[in-house]
PDB file of N, CA and C in Angstrom:
ATOM      1  N   MET A   1       1.575 122.080 -83.274  1.00  0.00           N
ATOM      2  CA  MET A   1       1.144 122.819 -82.164  1.00  0.00           C
ATOM      3  C   MET A   1       0.557 124.137 -82.692  1.00  0.00           C
ATOM      4  N   VAL A   2      -0.469 124.653 -82.017  1.00  0.00           N
ATOM      5  CA  VAL A   2      -1.111 125.899 -82.307  1.00  0.00           C
ATOM      6  C   VAL A   2      -0.939 126.874 -81.177  1.00  0.00           C
ATOM      7  N   LYS A   3      -0.519 128.115 -81.491  1.00  0.00           N
ATOM      8  CA  LYS A   3      -0.359 129.079 -80.482  1.00  0.00           C
ATOM      9  C   LYS A   3      -1.615 129.840 -80.249  1.00  0.00           C
ATOM     10  N   ILE A   4      -2.092 130.018 -78.967  1.00  0.00           N
ATOM     11  CA  ILE A   4      -3.302 130.701 -78.641  1.00  0.00           C
ATOM     12  C   ILE A   4      -3.009 131.847 -77.652  1.00  0.00           C
ATOM     13  N   LYS A   5      -3.848 132.815 -77.586  1.00  0.00           N
ATOM     14  CA  LYS A   5      -3.756 133.865 -76.574  1.00  0.00           C
ATOM     15  C   LYS A   5      -5.042 133.828 -75.716  1.00  0.00           C
ATOM     16  N   ILE A   6      -4.845 133.873 -74.444  1.00  0.00           N
ATOM     17  CA  ILE A   6      -5.929 133.922 -73.524  1.00  0.00           C
ATOM     18  C   ILE A   6      -5.978 135.278 -72.834  1.00  0.00           C
ATOM     19  N   VAL A   7      -7.092 135.949 -72.987  1.00  0.00           N
ATOM     20  CA  VAL A   7      -7.265 137.338 -72.372  1.00  0.00           C
ATOM     21  C   VAL A   7      -8.169 137.146 -71.171  1.00  0.00           C
ATOM     22  N   LEU A   8      -7.790 137.721 -70.139  1.00  0.00           N
ATOM     23  CA  LEU A   8      -8.536 137.676 -68.819  1.00  0.00           C
ATOM     24  C   LEU A   8      -9.427 138.983 -68.678  1.00  0.00           C
ATOM     25  N   GLN A   9     -10.353 138.876 -67.741  1.00  0.00           N
ATOM     26  CA  GLN A   9     -11.226 140.083 -67.609  1.00  0.00           C
ATOM     27  C   GLN A   9     -10.506 141.318 -67.128  1.00  0.00           C
ATOM     28  N   ASN A  10      -9.358 141.076 -66.466  1.00  0.00           N
ATOM     29  CA  ASN A  10      -8.548 142.250 -65.971  1.00  0.00           C
ATOM     30  C   ASN A  10      -7.583 142.752 -67.109  1.00  0.00           C
ATOM     31  N   ASN A  11      -7.726 142.294 -68.325  1.00  0.00           N
ATOM     32  CA  ASN A  11      -6.962 142.694 -69.499  1.00  0.00           C
ATOM     33  C   ASN A  11      -5.518 142.098 -69.461  1.00  0.00           C
ATOM     34  N   LYS A  12      -5.273 141.177 -68.603  1.00  0.00           N
ATOM     35  CA  LYS A  12      -3.942 140.537 -68.707  1.00  0.00           C
ATOM     36  C   LYS A  12      -4.139 139.463 -69.800  1.00  0.00           C
ATOM     37  N   ASP A  13      -3.085 139.188 -70.508  1.00  0.00           N
ATOM     38  CA  ASP A  13      -3.095 138.108 -71.526  1.00  0.00           C
ATOM     39  C   ASP A  13      -1.880 137.248 -71.455  1.00  0.00           C
ATOM     40  N   PHE A  14      -2.108 135.985 -71.856  1.00  0.00           N
ATOM     41  CA  PHE A  14      -1.140 134.960 -71.768  1.00  0.00           C
ATOM     42  C   PHE A  14      -1.098 134.165 -73.091  1.00  0.00           C
ATOM     43  N   GLU A  15       0.052 133.766 -73.587  1.00  0.00           N
ATOM     44  CA  GLU A  15       0.163 132.917 -74.713  1.00  0.00           C
ATOM     45  C   GLU A  15       0.640 131.578 -74.354  1.00  0.00           C
ATOM     46  N   THR A  16       0.096 130.549 -74.982  1.00  0.00           N
ATOM     47  CA  THR A  16       0.426 129.193 -74.793  1.00  0.00           C
ATOM     48  C   THR A  16       0.262 128.366 -76.003  1.00  0.00           C
ATOM     49  N   GLU A  17       0.747 127.177 -76.104  1.00  0.00           N
ATOM     50  CA  GLU A  17       0.527 126.304 -77.211  1.00  0.00           C
ATOM     51  C   GLU A  17      -0.288 125.102 -76.833  1.00  0.00           C
ATOM     52  N   VAL A  18      -1.177 124.754 -77.767  1.00  0.00           N
ATOM     53  CA  VAL A  18      -1.996 123.532 -77.562  1.00  0.00           C
ATOM     54  C   VAL A  18      -1.941 122.680 -78.842  1.00  0.00           C
ATOM     55  N   GLU A  19      -2.295 121.453 -78.709  1.00  0.00           N
ATOM     56  CA  GLU A  19      -2.119 120.493 -79.804  1.00  0.00           C
ATOM     57  C   GLU A  19      -3.025 120.907 -81.033  1.00  0.00           C
ATOM     58  N   THR A  20      -4.312 121.267 -80.691  1.00  0.00           N
ATOM     59  CA  THR A  20      -5.181 121.764 -81.789  1.00  0.00           C
ATOM     60  C   THR A  20      -6.097 122.816 -81.150  1.00  0.00           C
ATOM     61  N   TYR A  21      -6.629 123.645 -81.992  1.00  0.00           N
ATOM     62  CA  TYR A  21      -7.555 124.662 -81.467  1.00  0.00           C
ATOM     63  C   TYR A  21      -8.828 124.645 -82.305  1.00  0.00           C
ATOM     64  N   ASP A  22      -9.941 124.363 -81.536  1.00  0.00           N
ATOM     65  CA  ASP A  22     -11.340 124.445 -81.982  1.00  0.00           C
ATOM     66  C   ASP A  22     -12.058 125.190 -80.947  1.00  0.00           C
ATOM     67  N   ALA A  23     -12.457 126.442 -81.322  1.00  0.00           N
ATOM     68  CA  ALA A  23     -13.059 127.305 -80.359  1.00  0.00           C
ATOM     69  C   ALA A  23     -14.276 126.711 -79.660  1.00  0.00           C
ATOM     70  N   VAL A  24     -15.126 126.087 -80.447  1.00  0.00           N
ATOM     71  CA  VAL A  24     -16.333 125.415 -79.877  1.00  0.00           C
ATOM     72  C   VAL A  24     -16.014 124.363 -78.944  1.00  0.00           C
ATOM     73  N   GLU A  25     -15.129 123.428 -79.267  1.00  0.00           N
ATOM     74  CA  GLU A  25     -14.744 122.270 -78.465  1.00  0.00           C
ATOM     75  C   GLU A  25     -14.033 122.808 -77.188  1.00  0.00           C
ATOM     76  N   LEU A  26     -13.155 123.781 -77.269  1.00  0.00           N
ATOM     77  CA  LEU A  26     -12.477 124.365 -76.144  1.00  0.00           C
ATOM     78  C   LEU A  26     -13.481 124.977 -75.185  1.00  0.00           C
ATOM     79  N   HIS A  27     -14.399 125.697 -75.680  1.00  0.00           N
ATOM     80  CA  HIS A  27     -15.515 126.328 -74.803  1.00  0.00           C
ATOM     81  C   HIS A  27     -16.232 125.189 -74.116  1.00  0.00           C
ATOM     82  N   LYS A  28     -16.648 124.209 -74.800  1.00  0.00           N
ATOM     83  CA  LYS A  28     -17.372 123.043 -74.136  1.00  0.00           C
ATOM     84  C   LYS A  28     -16.561 122.380 -73.073  1.00  0.00           C
ATOM     85  N   ALA A  29     -15.280 122.181 -73.381  1.00  0.00           N
ATOM     86  CA  ALA A  29     -14.415 121.485 -72.395  1.00  0.00           C
ATOM     87  C   ALA A  29     -14.173 122.358 -71.210  1.00  0.00           C
ATOM     88  N   ILE A  30     -14.065 123.643 -71.317  1.00  0.00           N
ATOM     89  CA  ILE A  30     -13.835 124.535 -70.165  1.00  0.00           C
ATOM     90  C   ILE A  30     -15.113 124.581 -69.380  1.00  0.00           C
ATOM     91  N   LYS A  31     -16.277 124.649 -70.058  1.00  0.00           N
ATOM     92  CA  LYS A  31     -17.515 124.696 -69.269  1.00  0.00           C
ATOM     93  C   LYS A  31     -17.842 123.445 -68.539  1.00  0.00           C
ATOM     94  N   ALA A  32     -17.407 122.327 -69.176  1.00  0.00           N
ATOM     95  CA  ALA A  32     -17.706 121.016 -68.511  1.00  0.00           C
ATOM     96  C   ALA A  32     -16.720 120.668 -67.388  1.00  0.00           C
ATOM     97  N   TRP A  33     -15.623 121.358 -67.317  1.00  0.00           N
ATOM     98  CA  TRP A  33     -14.499 121.061 -66.384  1.00  0.00           C
ATOM     99  C   TRP A  33     -15.038 121.275 -64.974  1.00  0.00           C
ATOM    100  N   ASP A  34     -14.880 120.247 -64.079  1.00  0.00           N
ATOM    101  CA  ASP A  34     -15.506 120.183 -62.716  1.00  0.00           C
ATOM    102  C   ASP A  34     -14.874 121.248 -61.791  1.00  0.00           C
ATOM    103  N   ASP A  35     -13.604 121.570 -61.965  1.00  0.00           N
ATOM    104  CA  ASP A  35     -12.924 122.484 -61.061  1.00  0.00           C
ATOM    105  C   ASP A  35     -12.975 123.908 -61.674  1.00  0.00           C
ATOM    106  N   THR A  36     -12.786 124.864 -60.788  1.00  0.00           N
ATOM    107  CA  THR A  36     -12.701 126.282 -61.275  1.00  0.00           C
ATOM    108  C   THR A  36     -11.394 126.569 -62.093  1.00  0.00           C
ATOM    109  N   LEU A  37     -10.330 125.894 -61.701  1.00  0.00           N
ATOM    110  CA  LEU A  37      -9.020 126.046 -62.340  1.00  0.00           C
ATOM    111  C   LEU A  37      -8.946 125.035 -63.442  1.00  0.00           C
ATOM    112  N   VAL A  38      -8.763 125.563 -64.711  1.00  0.00           N
ATOM    113  CA  VAL A  38      -8.623 124.688 -65.919  1.00  0.00           C
ATOM    114  C   VAL A  38      -7.273 124.706 -66.452  1.00  0.00           C
ATOM    115  N   PRO A  39      -6.701 123.558 -66.851  1.00  0.00           N
ATOM    116  CA  PRO A  39      -5.392 123.580 -67.543  1.00  0.00           C
ATOM    117  C   PRO A  39      -5.667 123.889 -69.056  1.00  0.00           C
ATOM    118  N   ILE A  40      -4.900 124.841 -69.567  1.00  0.00           N
ATOM    119  CA  ILE A  40      -4.951 125.128 -70.949  1.00  0.00           C
ATOM    120  C   ILE A  40      -3.528 125.282 -71.455  1.00  0.00           C
ATOM    121  N   GLY A  41      -3.081 124.354 -72.255  1.00  0.00           N
ATOM    122  CA  GLY A  41      -1.639 124.427 -72.638  1.00  0.00           C
ATOM    123  C   GLY A  41      -0.804 124.182 -71.439  1.00  0.00           C
ATOM    124  N   ASN A  42       0.138 124.978 -71.178  1.00  0.00           N
ATOM    125  CA  ASN A  42       0.991 124.952 -69.989  1.00  0.00           C
ATOM    126  C   ASN A  42       0.578 125.903 -68.886  1.00  0.00           C
ATOM    127  N   LEU A  43      -0.654 126.403 -69.015  1.00  0.00           N
ATOM    128  CA  LEU A  43      -1.233 127.340 -68.012  1.00  0.00           C
ATOM    129  C   LEU A  43      -2.315 126.663 -67.228  1.00  0.00           C
ATOM    130  N   VAL A  44      -2.589 127.185 -65.988  1.00  0.00           N
ATOM    131  CA  VAL A  44      -3.781 126.817 -65.276  1.00  0.00           C
ATOM    132  C   VAL A  44      -4.511 128.107 -64.892  1.00  0.00           C
ATOM    133  N   ILE A  45      -5.762 128.237 -65.375  1.00  0.00           N
ATOM    134  CA  ILE A  45      -6.467 129.515 -65.315  1.00  0.00           C
ATOM    135  C   ILE A  45      -7.785 129.321 -64.679  1.00  0.00           C
ATOM    136  N   ASN A  46      -8.272 130.404 -63.903  1.00  0.00           N
ATOM    137  CA  ASN A  46      -9.635 130.335 -63.358  1.00  0.00           C
ATOM    138  C   ASN A  46     -10.622 130.556 -64.469  1.00  0.00           C
ATOM    139  N   LYS A  47     -11.421 129.521 -64.736  1.00  0.00           N
ATOM    140  CA  LYS A  47     -12.323 129.659 -65.890  1.00  0.00           C
ATOM    141  C   LYS A  47     -13.338 130.857 -65.857  1.00  0.00           C
ATOM    142  N   HIS A  48     -13.623 131.287 -64.658  1.00  0.00           N
ATOM    143  CA  HIS A  48     -14.590 132.419 -64.489  1.00  0.00           C
ATOM    144  C   HIS A  48     -13.944 133.837 -64.850  1.00  0.00           C
ATOM    145  N   HIS A  49     -12.600 133.817 -65.032  1.00  0.00           N
ATOM    146  CA  HIS A  49     -11.915 135.083 -65.378  1.00  0.00           C
ATOM    147  C   HIS A  49     -11.578 135.189 -66.848  1.00  0.00           C
ATOM    148  N   ILE A  50     -11.879 134.166 -67.590  1.00  0.00           N
ATOM    149  CA  ILE A  50     -11.484 134.189 -69.051  1.00  0.00           C
ATOM    150  C   ILE A  50     -12.394 135.168 -69.816  1.00  0.00           C
ATOM    151  N   GLU A  51     -11.888 136.038 -70.514  1.00  0.00           N
ATOM    152  CA  GLU A  51     -12.729 136.968 -71.316  1.00  0.00           C
ATOM    153  C   GLU A  51     -12.775 136.415 -72.747  1.00  0.00           C
ATOM    154  N   CYS A  52     -11.613 136.059 -73.325  1.00  0.00           N
ATOM    155  CA  CYS A  52     -11.664 135.441 -74.727  1.00  0.00           C
ATOM    156  C   CYS A  52     -10.398 134.632 -74.933  1.00  0.00           C
ATOM    157  N   ILE A  53     -10.506 133.706 -75.884  1.00  0.00           N
ATOM    158  CA  ILE A  53      -9.384 132.915 -76.287  1.00  0.00           C
ATOM    159  C   ILE A  53      -9.293 132.914 -77.884  1.00  0.00           C
ATOM    160  N   TYR A  54      -8.218 133.216 -78.369  1.00  0.00           N
ATOM    161  CA  TYR A  54      -8.066 133.040 -79.829  1.00  0.00           C
ATOM    162  C   TYR A  54      -6.774 132.584 -80.295  1.00  0.00           C
ATOM    163  N   GLU A  55      -6.772 132.147 -81.557  1.00  0.00           N
ATOM    164  CA  GLU A  55      -5.604 131.625 -82.184  1.00  0.00           C
ATOM    165  C   GLU A  55      -4.783 132.759 -82.696  1.00  0.00           C
ATOM    166  N   ILE A  56      -3.364 132.548 -82.542  1.00  0.00           N
ATOM    167  CA  ILE A  56      -2.454 133.561 -83.077  1.00  0.00           C
ATOM    168  C   ILE A  56      -1.890 132.951 -84.358  1.00  0.00           C
ATOM    169  N   LYS A  57      -2.040 133.629 -85.417  1.00  0.00           N
ATOM    170  CA  LYS A  57      -1.497 133.153 -86.700  1.00  0.00           C
ATOM    171  C   LYS A  57      -0.322 133.900 -87.168  1.00  0.00           C
TER     172      LYS A  57
END
């Protein structure tokens, strides 16, 4: 599992774990998701409010 941090436009941030982290593939998957709410790890986030996502090492 890989720990990632999701930062929203209102500067709130959340940590979650995902099986793998590939920034390009995650961006494509979020963009292609039909609904506004996207599941990422154990979170459900409005994809229009995401500022950035990065891996925590």
